[in-house]
Amino acid sequence: MLTSYEYRNLFNSLYTSFQNSVNAEELDNIISTISTNKNNLKLAIDNIHSTIRENNDYNTILNQTNQRLLQKLNTLENYDLAAYGELKDKNVLYKKLLVQNIILIIIILFSCIGYIGGKKFFNSKIKKL
């Protein structure tokens, strides 16, 4: 086991060897490198924050545009449903009018046939008299 004196000597020798291995100029280089890296990191963080703000602004614009387009889509869908209902109504009215016209034509034909037949019938009765 080492005594406190031996520990102190060991520490002093290690400290001296460390001081000898790293001189002041190297420490300045290390400190300047660390400062440069720190500044570069701050700039990168600022650039990232700026990019995030721009993307957030762009997303806000896209969300607003999306809301407007969704409203237009809903309006167009409502118009589509209304137009479809109106088309069905027009089809029903058209078919109803077609049936009425067919019935009217049949009535007119039977009336004409009845008139002509009645005329011939009465003419034949009158000739017999």
N, C-alpha and C. Protein backbone atom coordinates (compact mmCIF):
# COMPACT_ATOMS: atom_id res chain seq x y z
N MET A 1 0.82 -1.16 0.00
CA MET A 1 0.00 0.00 0.00
C MET A 1 0.88 1.24 0.00
N LEU A 2 0.40 2.30 -0.71
CA LEU A 2 1.20 3.52 -0.82
C LEU A 2 0.86 4.46 0.31
N THR A 3 1.86 5.15 0.72
CA THR A 3 1.65 6.15 1.76
C THR A 3 1.19 7.44 1.13
N SER A 4 0.76 8.38 1.98
CA SER A 4 0.27 9.65 1.46
C SER A 4 1.39 10.41 0.76
N TYR A 5 2.58 10.27 1.23
CA TYR A 5 3.72 10.93 0.60
C TYR A 5 3.93 10.36 -0.80
N GLU A 6 3.81 9.07 -0.94
CA GLU A 6 4.00 8.43 -2.24
C GLU A 6 2.87 8.83 -3.20
N TYR A 7 1.65 8.92 -2.66
CA TYR A 7 0.54 9.39 -3.49
C TYR A 7 0.77 10.80 -3.98
N ARG A 8 1.29 11.65 -3.10
CA ARG A 8 1.56 13.03 -3.48
C ARG A 8 2.62 13.09 -4.55
N ASN A 9 3.69 12.32 -4.41
CA ASN A 9 4.75 12.29 -5.42
C ASN A 9 4.24 11.77 -6.75
N LEU A 10 3.40 10.74 -6.69
CA LEU A 10 2.83 10.18 -7.91
C LEU A 10 1.95 11.22 -8.61
N PHE A 11 1.12 11.90 -7.84
CA PHE A 11 0.25 12.94 -8.39
C PHE A 11 1.07 14.06 -9.00
N ASN A 12 2.11 14.52 -8.30
CA ASN A 12 2.96 15.59 -8.81
C ASN A 12 3.67 15.18 -10.09
N SER A 13 4.12 13.95 -10.14
CA SER A 13 4.81 13.50 -11.36
C SER A 13 3.84 13.42 -12.53
N LEU A 14 2.61 12.93 -12.27
CA LEU A 14 1.61 12.86 -13.35
C LEU A 14 1.19 14.25 -13.79
N TYR A 15 1.03 15.15 -12.83
CA TYR A 15 0.64 16.52 -13.15
C TYR A 15 1.73 17.20 -13.96
N THR A 16 2.97 16.98 -13.61
CA THR A 16 4.10 17.58 -14.32
C THR A 16 4.18 17.01 -15.73
N SER A 17 3.99 15.74 -15.86
CA SER A 17 4.04 15.14 -17.20
C SER A 17 2.88 15.65 -18.06
N PHE A 18 1.71 15.87 -17.43
CA PHE A 18 0.57 16.42 -18.17
C PHE A 18 0.86 17.85 -18.60
N GLN A 19 1.44 18.65 -17.72
CA GLN A 19 1.79 20.03 -18.06
C GLN A 19 2.82 20.05 -19.16
N ASN A 20 3.74 19.15 -19.14
CA ASN A 20 4.76 19.12 -20.18
C ASN A 20 4.18 18.70 -21.53
N SER A 21 3.20 17.80 -21.49
CA SER A 21 2.65 17.31 -22.75
C SER A 21 1.71 18.33 -23.41
N VAL A 22 1.04 19.14 -22.61
CA VAL A 22 0.13 20.13 -23.17
C VAL A 22 0.68 21.50 -22.82
N ASN A 23 1.10 22.21 -23.84
CA ASN A 23 1.60 23.55 -23.59
C ASN A 23 0.48 24.58 -23.82
N ALA A 24 0.77 25.79 -23.57
CA ALA A 24 -0.24 26.86 -23.62
C ALA A 24 -0.77 27.07 -25.04
N GLU A 25 0.09 26.94 -26.03
CA GLU A 25 -0.35 27.15 -27.42
C GLU A 25 -1.36 26.08 -27.83
N GLU A 26 -1.12 24.86 -27.43
CA GLU A 26 -2.06 23.79 -27.75
C GLU A 26 -3.39 24.02 -27.04
N LEU A 27 -3.31 24.49 -25.80
CA LEU A 27 -4.55 24.79 -25.08
C LEU A 27 -5.33 25.90 -25.79
N ASP A 28 -4.63 26.92 -26.27
CA ASP A 28 -5.29 27.98 -27.02
C ASP A 28 -5.94 27.44 -28.29
N ASN A 29 -5.23 26.52 -28.98
CA ASN A 29 -5.79 25.90 -30.18
C ASN A 29 -7.04 25.08 -29.84
N ILE A 30 -6.95 24.36 -28.75
CA ILE A 30 -8.10 23.54 -28.35
C ILE A 30 -9.26 24.44 -27.98
N ILE A 31 -8.99 25.51 -27.23
CA ILE A 31 -10.05 26.44 -26.83
C ILE A 31 -10.65 27.14 -28.05
N SER A 32 -9.82 27.54 -29.01
CA SER A 32 -10.35 28.20 -30.21
C SER A 32 -11.16 27.22 -31.05
N THR A 33 -10.72 25.97 -31.10
CA THR A 33 -11.48 24.95 -31.84
C THR A 33 -12.84 24.73 -31.18
N ILE A 34 -12.81 24.65 -29.86
CA ILE A 34 -14.07 24.48 -29.14
C ILE A 34 -14.97 25.69 -29.36
N SER A 35 -14.44 26.88 -29.32
CA SER A 35 -15.23 28.10 -29.54
C SER A 35 -15.80 28.12 -30.96
N THR A 36 -14.96 27.76 -31.93
CA THR A 36 -15.42 27.72 -33.33
C THR A 36 -16.55 26.71 -33.49
N ASN A 37 -16.35 25.53 -32.91
CA ASN A 37 -17.39 24.50 -33.00
C ASN A 37 -18.67 24.94 -32.30
N LYS A 38 -18.52 25.63 -31.17
CA LYS A 38 -19.67 26.13 -30.43
C LYS A 38 -20.43 27.17 -31.27
N ASN A 39 -19.70 28.10 -31.92
CA ASN A 39 -20.32 29.11 -32.77
C ASN A 39 -21.01 28.47 -33.98
N ASN A 40 -20.31 27.48 -34.57
CA ASN A 40 -20.91 26.77 -35.71
C ASN A 40 -22.18 26.05 -35.29
N LEU A 41 -22.15 25.46 -34.10
CA LEU A 41 -23.33 24.78 -33.58
C LEU A 41 -24.47 25.76 -33.34
N LYS A 42 -24.17 26.95 -32.79
CA LYS A 42 -25.20 27.97 -32.59
C LYS A 42 -25.80 28.40 -33.92
N LEU A 43 -24.94 28.60 -34.94
CA LEU A 43 -25.44 28.98 -36.26
C LEU A 43 -26.33 27.88 -36.85
N ALA A 44 -25.89 26.65 -36.68
CA ALA A 44 -26.69 25.53 -37.21
C ALA A 44 -28.04 25.46 -36.49
N ILE A 45 -28.04 25.67 -35.18
CA ILE A 45 -29.29 25.67 -34.42
C ILE A 45 -30.19 26.81 -34.89
N ASP A 46 -29.61 28.00 -35.10
CA ASP A 46 -30.40 29.13 -35.59
C ASP A 46 -30.98 28.83 -36.97
N ASN A 47 -30.18 28.21 -37.84
CA ASN A 47 -30.68 27.85 -39.18
C ASN A 47 -31.81 26.84 -39.08
N ILE A 48 -31.68 25.89 -38.18
CA ILE A 48 -32.72 24.88 -38.00
C ILE A 48 -34.00 25.54 -37.49
N HIS A 49 -33.86 26.46 -36.53
CA HIS A 49 -35.03 27.19 -36.02
C HIS A 49 -35.69 28.01 -37.12
N SER A 50 -34.87 28.64 -37.95
CA SER A 50 -35.41 29.43 -39.05
C SER A 50 -36.16 28.53 -40.04
N THR A 51 -35.58 27.39 -40.35
CA THR A 51 -36.22 26.45 -41.27
C THR A 51 -37.53 25.94 -40.67
N ILE A 52 -37.53 25.66 -39.38
CA ILE A 52 -38.75 25.20 -38.71
C ILE A 52 -39.83 26.27 -38.77
N ARG A 53 -39.45 27.53 -38.53
CA ARG A 53 -40.43 28.63 -38.60
C ARG A 53 -41.01 28.74 -40.01
N GLU A 54 -40.12 28.65 -41.02
CA GLU A 54 -40.59 28.73 -42.41
C GLU A 54 -41.54 27.58 -42.72
N ASN A 55 -41.19 26.38 -42.28
CA ASN A 55 -42.06 25.23 -42.52
C ASN A 55 -43.39 25.37 -41.79
N ASN A 56 -43.35 25.91 -40.59
CA ASN A 56 -44.60 26.14 -39.85
C ASN A 56 -45.48 27.16 -40.57
N ASP A 57 -44.86 28.23 -41.08
CA ASP A 57 -45.61 29.23 -41.85
C ASP A 57 -46.22 28.60 -43.10
N TYR A 58 -45.42 27.79 -43.79
CA TYR A 58 -45.88 27.12 -45.00
C TYR A 58 -47.02 26.15 -44.66
N ASN A 59 -46.89 25.43 -43.56
CA ASN A 59 -47.96 24.51 -43.14
C ASN A 59 -49.23 25.28 -42.80
N THR A 60 -49.09 26.44 -42.18
CA THR A 60 -50.27 27.26 -41.86
C THR A 60 -50.97 27.69 -43.13
N ILE A 61 -50.20 28.12 -44.12
CA ILE A 61 -50.78 28.53 -45.41
C ILE A 61 -51.47 27.34 -46.07
N LEU A 62 -50.82 26.17 -46.05
CA LEU A 62 -51.42 24.98 -46.65
C LEU A 62 -52.70 24.57 -45.92
N ASN A 63 -52.71 24.68 -44.61
CA ASN A 63 -53.91 24.33 -43.85
C ASN A 63 -55.06 25.27 -44.18
N GLN A 64 -54.76 26.57 -44.32
CA GLN A 64 -55.80 27.53 -44.68
C GLN A 64 -56.35 27.24 -46.07
N THR A 65 -55.43 26.97 -47.00
CA THR A 65 -55.85 26.64 -48.37
C THR A 65 -56.68 25.37 -48.38
N ASN A 66 -56.24 24.40 -47.59
CA ASN A 66 -56.97 23.14 -47.50
C ASN A 66 -58.38 23.35 -46.97
N GLN A 67 -58.52 24.21 -45.96
CA GLN A 67 -59.85 24.50 -45.41
C GLN A 67 -60.76 25.14 -46.47
N ARG A 68 -60.20 26.09 -47.23
CA ARG A 68 -61.00 26.73 -48.28
C ARG A 68 -61.41 25.71 -49.34
N LEU A 69 -60.48 24.84 -49.72
CA LEU A 69 -60.79 23.83 -50.74
C LEU A 69 -61.82 22.82 -50.23
N LEU A 70 -61.73 22.47 -48.95
CA LEU A 70 -62.72 21.56 -48.38
C LEU A 70 -64.11 22.20 -48.38
N GLN A 71 -64.18 23.50 -48.09
CA GLN A 71 -65.47 24.18 -48.13
C GLN A 71 -66.04 24.18 -49.56
N LYS A 72 -65.17 24.46 -50.54
CA LYS A 72 -65.62 24.44 -51.93
C LYS A 72 -66.08 23.04 -52.33
N LEU A 73 -65.33 22.02 -51.88
CA LEU A 73 -65.70 20.64 -52.19
C LEU A 73 -67.06 20.30 -51.59
N ASN A 74 -67.29 20.69 -50.34
CA ASN A 74 -68.58 20.43 -49.71
C ASN A 74 -69.70 21.15 -50.45
N THR A 75 -69.44 22.38 -50.87
CA THR A 75 -70.44 23.13 -51.62
C THR A 75 -70.75 22.43 -52.95
N LEU A 76 -69.69 21.99 -53.64
CA LEU A 76 -69.90 21.30 -54.92
C LEU A 76 -70.63 19.98 -54.72
N GLU A 77 -70.31 19.26 -53.63
CA GLU A 77 -71.02 18.02 -53.35
C GLU A 77 -72.50 18.30 -53.09
N ASN A 78 -72.78 19.39 -52.38
CA ASN A 78 -74.18 19.75 -52.14
C ASN A 78 -74.88 20.12 -53.44
N TYR A 79 -74.19 20.86 -54.32
CA TYR A 79 -74.77 21.18 -55.62
C TYR A 79 -75.02 19.91 -56.42
N ASP A 80 -74.08 18.96 -56.33
CA ASP A 80 -74.23 17.70 -57.04
C ASP A 80 -75.46 16.96 -56.56
N LEU A 81 -75.64 16.89 -55.24
CA LEU A 81 -76.81 16.21 -54.69
C LEU A 81 -78.10 16.93 -55.10
N ALA A 82 -78.07 18.24 -55.09
CA ALA A 82 -79.24 19.01 -55.49
C ALA A 82 -79.55 18.79 -56.97
N ALA A 83 -78.52 18.79 -57.79
CA ALA A 83 -78.72 18.58 -59.23
C ALA A 83 -79.25 17.17 -59.49
N TYR A 84 -78.74 16.20 -58.75
CA TYR A 84 -79.21 14.83 -58.92
C TYR A 84 -80.68 14.73 -58.54
N GLY A 85 -81.07 15.36 -57.43
CA GLY A 85 -82.48 15.35 -57.03
C GLY A 85 -83.36 16.05 -58.06
N GLU A 86 -82.87 17.14 -58.59
CA GLU A 86 -83.64 17.86 -59.61
C GLU A 86 -83.76 17.02 -60.88
N LEU A 87 -82.72 16.31 -61.24
CA LEU A 87 -82.76 15.44 -62.42
C LEU A 87 -83.81 14.34 -62.22
N LYS A 88 -83.84 13.76 -61.03
CA LYS A 88 -84.85 12.73 -60.75
C LYS A 88 -86.25 13.32 -60.86
N ASP A 89 -86.44 14.52 -60.31
CA ASP A 89 -87.74 15.18 -60.40
C ASP A 89 -88.12 15.44 -61.86
N LYS A 90 -87.17 15.91 -62.65
CA LYS A 90 -87.44 16.19 -64.07
C LYS A 90 -87.79 14.90 -64.80
N ASN A 91 -87.10 13.81 -64.46
CA ASN A 91 -87.40 12.52 -65.10
C ASN A 91 -88.82 12.08 -64.77
N VAL A 92 -89.21 12.23 -63.51
CA VAL A 92 -90.58 11.85 -63.11
C VAL A 92 -91.59 12.72 -63.85
N LEU A 93 -91.34 14.02 -63.91
CA LEU A 93 -92.26 14.92 -64.63
C LEU A 93 -92.32 14.59 -66.11
N TYR A 94 -91.15 14.26 -66.71
CA TYR A 94 -91.10 13.92 -68.13
C TYR A 94 -91.92 12.65 -68.40
N LYS A 95 -91.73 11.64 -67.55
CA LYS A 95 -92.46 10.39 -67.74
C LYS A 95 -93.96 10.60 -67.55
N LYS A 96 -94.32 11.41 -66.58
CA LYS A 96 -95.73 11.72 -66.33
C LYS A 96 -96.34 12.44 -67.53
N LEU A 97 -95.61 13.42 -68.06
CA LEU A 97 -96.09 14.15 -69.23
C LEU A 97 -96.18 13.24 -70.46
N LEU A 98 -95.22 12.31 -70.58
CA LEU A 98 -95.23 11.37 -71.70
C LEU A 98 -96.47 10.47 -71.63
N VAL A 99 -96.75 9.97 -70.44
CA VAL A 99 -97.93 9.12 -70.27
C VAL A 99 -99.20 9.92 -70.58
N GLN A 100 -99.27 11.17 -70.11
CA GLN A 100 -100.43 12.01 -70.39
C GLN A 100 -100.60 12.21 -71.90
N ASN A 101 -99.49 12.46 -72.60
CA ASN A 101 -99.56 12.67 -74.05
C ASN A 101 -99.98 11.40 -74.77
N ILE A 102 -99.48 10.26 -74.31
CA ILE A 102 -99.87 8.99 -74.94
C ILE A 102 -101.37 8.75 -74.74
N ILE A 103 -101.84 9.00 -73.53
CA ILE A 103 -103.28 8.83 -73.26
C ILE A 103 -104.09 9.79 -74.12
N LEU A 104 -103.61 11.03 -74.26
CA LEU A 104 -104.31 12.02 -75.09
C LEU A 104 -104.34 11.58 -76.55
N ILE A 105 -103.24 11.04 -77.04
CA ILE A 105 -103.19 10.56 -78.44
C ILE A 105 -104.16 9.40 -78.62
N ILE A 106 -104.20 8.48 -77.65
CA ILE A 106 -105.12 7.35 -77.74
C ILE A 106 -106.58 7.85 -77.76
N ILE A 107 -106.88 8.80 -76.89
CA ILE A 107 -108.24 9.36 -76.85
C ILE A 107 -108.58 10.02 -78.18
N ILE A 108 -107.63 10.77 -78.73
CA ILE A 108 -107.87 11.43 -80.02
C ILE A 108 -108.08 10.39 -81.11
N LEU A 109 -107.26 9.32 -81.11
CA LEU A 109 -107.42 8.27 -82.13
C LEU A 109 -108.79 7.59 -82.01
N PHE A 110 -109.15 7.24 -80.78
CA PHE A 110 -110.46 6.60 -80.60
C PHE A 110 -111.60 7.55 -80.96
N SER A 111 -111.42 8.83 -80.68
CA SER A 111 -112.44 9.80 -81.06
C SER A 111 -112.56 9.88 -82.57
N CYS A 112 -111.43 9.91 -83.25
CA CYS A 112 -111.45 9.96 -84.72
C CYS A 112 -112.07 8.69 -85.29
N ILE A 113 -111.64 7.55 -84.73
CA ILE A 113 -112.20 6.29 -85.22
C ILE A 113 -113.71 6.25 -84.94
N GLY A 114 -114.07 6.69 -83.75
CA GLY A 114 -115.51 6.72 -83.42
C GLY A 114 -116.27 7.68 -84.31
N TYR A 115 -115.72 8.82 -84.61
CA TYR A 115 -116.38 9.81 -85.47
C TYR A 115 -116.56 9.26 -86.87
N ILE A 116 -115.45 8.67 -87.40
CA ILE A 116 -115.51 8.12 -88.76
C ILE A 116 -116.47 6.93 -88.79
N GLY A 117 -116.34 6.08 -87.78
CA GLY A 117 -117.24 4.92 -87.74
C GLY A 117 -118.69 5.33 -87.56
N GLY A 118 -118.93 6.31 -86.73
CA GLY A 118 -120.30 6.80 -86.52
C GLY A 118 -120.85 7.45 -87.77
N LYS A 119 -120.01 8.15 -88.48
CA LYS A 119 -120.43 8.82 -89.69
C LYS A 119 -120.82 7.78 -90.73
N LYS A 120 -120.01 6.75 -90.85
CA LYS A 120 -120.32 5.69 -91.82
C LYS A 120 -121.59 4.96 -91.39
N PHE A 121 -121.71 4.74 -90.12
CA PHE A 121 -122.89 4.04 -89.61
C PHE A 121 -124.15 4.84 -89.89
N PHE A 122 -124.10 6.13 -89.59
CA PHE A 122 -125.27 6.97 -89.83
C PHE A 122 -125.52 7.16 -91.33
N ASN A 123 -124.46 7.24 -92.13
CA ASN A 123 -124.63 7.37 -93.57
C ASN A 123 -125.29 6.10 -94.14
N SER A 124 -124.87 4.98 -93.65
CA SER A 124 -125.47 3.74 -94.16
C SER A 124 -126.93 3.63 -93.71
N LYS A 125 -127.30 4.11 -92.56
CA LYS A 125 -128.67 4.09 -92.08
C LYS A 125 -129.52 5.08 -92.88
N ILE A 126 -128.92 6.21 -93.20
CA ILE A 126 -129.66 7.21 -93.95
C ILE A 126 -129.89 6.73 -95.37
N LYS A 127 -128.95 6.05 -95.98
CA LYS A 127 -129.09 5.56 -97.34
C LYS A 127 -130.15 4.47 -97.40
N LYS A 128 -130.27 3.73 -96.36
CA LYS A 128 -131.27 2.67 -96.30
C LYS A 128 -132.68 3.27 -96.16
N LEU A 129 -132.77 4.41 -95.63
CA LEU A 129 -134.08 5.00 -95.44
C LEU A 129 -134.50 5.66 -96.70
